[in-house]
Protein backbone atom coordinates (compact mmCIF):
# COMPACT_ATOMS: atom_id res chain seq x y z
CA UNK A 1 103.01 77.52 4.00
CA UNK A 2 101.41 74.92 2.20
CA UNK A 3 102.91 72.81 -1.28
CA UNK A 4 100.38 70.67 -3.27
CA UNK A 5 101.55 67.45 -3.92
CA UNK A 6 100.90 64.89 -6.51
CA UNK A 7 101.17 61.18 -6.17
CA UNK A 8 100.55 58.49 -8.25
CA UNK A 9 100.55 54.42 -8.04
CA UNK A 10 102.51 52.39 -9.75
CA UNK A 11 102.12 48.15 -9.97
CA UNK A 12 105.52 46.48 -9.44
CA UNK A 13 106.58 43.42 -10.97
CA UNK A 14 108.68 41.25 -9.33
CA UNK A 15 111.36 38.41 -10.56
CA UNK A 16 113.06 36.56 -7.96
CA UNK A 17 115.57 34.34 -9.17
CA UNK A 18 117.10 31.82 -6.55
CA UNK A 19 119.70 29.19 -6.78
CA UNK A 20 118.61 25.28 -8.03
CA UNK A 21 117.06 26.69 -11.52
CA UNK A 22 114.17 28.24 -9.71
CA UNK A 23 112.73 31.65 -11.17
CA UNK A 24 109.68 33.55 -9.73
CA UNK A 25 107.87 35.67 -11.91
CA UNK A 26 104.97 37.92 -10.31
CA UNK A 27 102.35 39.04 -12.75
CA UNK A 28 99.09 41.10 -12.58
CA UNK A 29 95.96 39.68 -14.35
CA UNK A 30 92.51 41.18 -15.09
CA UNK A 31 89.69 38.58 -14.88
CA UNK A 32 88.63 37.61 -18.51
CA UNK A 33 86.29 39.78 -19.50
CA UNK A 34 82.65 38.38 -20.18
CA UNK A 35 83.63 34.89 -18.57
CA UNK A 36 82.68 33.13 -15.15
CA UNK A 37 86.31 32.98 -14.36
CA UNK A 38 85.91 31.93 -10.63
CA UNK A 39 89.54 31.80 -9.97
CA UNK A 40 89.79 35.65 -10.73
CA UNK A 41 89.79 36.23 -6.73
CA UNK A 42 93.24 35.34 -7.02
CA UNK A 43 94.34 38.84 -8.03
CA UNK A 44 98.04 37.79 -8.01
CA UNK A 45 99.38 35.05 -10.42
CA UNK A 46 102.99 33.93 -9.51
CA UNK A 47 104.78 31.70 -12.34
CA UNK A 48 107.32 29.16 -10.93
CA UNK A 49 109.56 27.77 -13.57
CA UNK A 50 111.97 24.97 -12.63
CA UNK A 51 114.51 22.50 -14.76
CA UNK A 52 113.28 19.83 -12.51
CA UNK A 53 110.22 18.54 -11.42
CA UNK A 54 110.69 19.12 -8.07
CA UNK A 55 108.48 19.28 -4.52
CA UNK A 56 107.47 22.28 -3.16
CA UNK A 57 106.48 22.67 0.14
CA UNK A 58 104.49 26.01 0.75
CA UNK A 59 102.80 27.30 4.12
CA UNK A 60 99.75 29.46 3.63
CA UNK A 61 98.82 32.04 6.42
CA UNK A 62 96.18 34.51 6.49
CA UNK A 63 95.84 37.53 8.95
CA UNK A 64 94.22 36.80 11.82
CA UNK A 65 90.56 37.77 12.03
CA UNK A 66 87.40 37.06 9.66
CA UNK A 67 87.63 38.12 6.38
CA UNK A 68 84.69 38.08 4.33
CA UNK A 69 84.77 36.85 1.42
CA UNK A 70 87.41 34.28 2.40
CA UNK A 71 90.77 34.73 0.79
CA UNK A 72 91.55 32.02 -1.69
CA UNK A 73 94.68 30.56 -3.07
CA UNK A 74 95.20 28.38 -6.13
CA UNK A 75 97.97 26.07 -7.50
CA UNK A 76 98.00 25.03 -11.11
CA UNK A 77 100.70 22.51 -12.49
CA UNK A 78 99.47 21.13 -15.42
CA UNK A 79 102.00 22.93 -18.16
CA UNK A 80 99.03 25.74 -19.06
CA UNK A 81 98.00 28.83 -17.93
CA UNK A 82 94.34 27.72 -17.64
CA UNK A 83 93.62 29.16 -14.39
CA UNK A 84 90.09 27.45 -13.98
CA UNK A 85 91.77 24.40 -13.46
CA UNK A 86 93.64 25.41 -10.55
CA UNK A 87 93.18 23.65 -7.27
CA UNK A 88 92.38 25.68 -4.44
CA UNK A 89 94.43 25.83 -1.48
CA UNK A 90 92.90 26.15 1.63
CA UNK A 91 95.64 27.80 4.96
CA UNK A 92 98.09 25.75 6.08
CA UNK A 93 100.61 23.45 4.74
CA UNK A 94 100.44 21.90 1.30
CA UNK A 95 103.27 19.53 -0.83
CA UNK A 96 103.33 20.44 -4.28
CA UNK A 97 104.71 18.89 -7.35
CA UNK A 98 105.86 21.47 -9.82
CA UNK A 99 104.21 19.44 -12.73
CA UNK A 100 100.84 16.83 -12.20
CA UNK A 101 102.74 14.22 -14.00
CA UNK A 102 104.89 12.75 -11.22
CA UNK A 103 107.85 12.52 -13.88
CA UNK A 104 111.34 13.68 -14.07
CA UNK A 105 112.00 16.37 -17.27
CA UNK A 106 114.04 14.07 -19.08
CA UNK A 107 111.58 11.31 -19.05
CA UNK A 108 108.82 13.78 -20.63
CA UNK A 109 107.44 13.58 -24.07
CA UNK A 110 108.14 16.36 -25.75
CA UNK A 111 111.27 17.23 -23.41
CA UNK A 112 110.71 20.70 -22.33
CA UNK A 113 113.79 23.02 -21.31
CA UNK A 114 111.66 23.99 -17.74
CA UNK A 115 108.86 23.21 -16.31
CA UNK A 116 106.25 26.02 -15.13
CA UNK A 117 103.99 26.06 -12.58
CA UNK A 118 101.43 28.78 -11.25
CA UNK A 119 100.52 29.92 -7.69
CA UNK A 120 97.73 32.40 -7.42
CA UNK A 121 97.34 34.33 -4.64
CA UNK A 122 94.85 36.68 -3.09
CA UNK A 123 95.81 40.49 -2.43
CA UNK A 124 95.55 40.83 1.01
CA UNK A 125 97.76 42.83 3.85
CA UNK A 126 98.95 40.43 6.33
CA UNK A 127 99.54 37.16 4.05
CA UNK A 128 102.22 34.96 4.69
CA UNK A 129 103.54 32.16 2.26
CA UNK A 130 106.51 30.36 3.05
CA UNK A 131 107.78 28.63 0.10
CA UNK A 132 110.22 25.58 0.12
CA UNK A 133 111.92 22.97 -2.15
CA UNK A 134 114.96 20.97 -1.89
């Protein structure tokens, strides 16, 4: 006996909250229509919010083997969501500051309630991202 089954896919939004005032919010963003949005190769932008200007240690590893086009990851920490200005990350370890100004949150003017940065990641099976913070 054969029973027909209908299957549907659904995008999942992930929000991960960790101690020390760090929040992660994964968002699926579409490339801007009609633009040359080069950084749209990173399909998932993960918003990172902190209550202080922390240093993050990021270890980025892609699966073994040749992948064409080469996967690209990005980091944006200028307080905006202008992904065109994001820093391209290569495979390996990176030391990243939550805000590009090397100031404590109490010394920023105007003083924000939190600092936000963005991590742009390719949709890729086998990618490994390790993120550490103090």
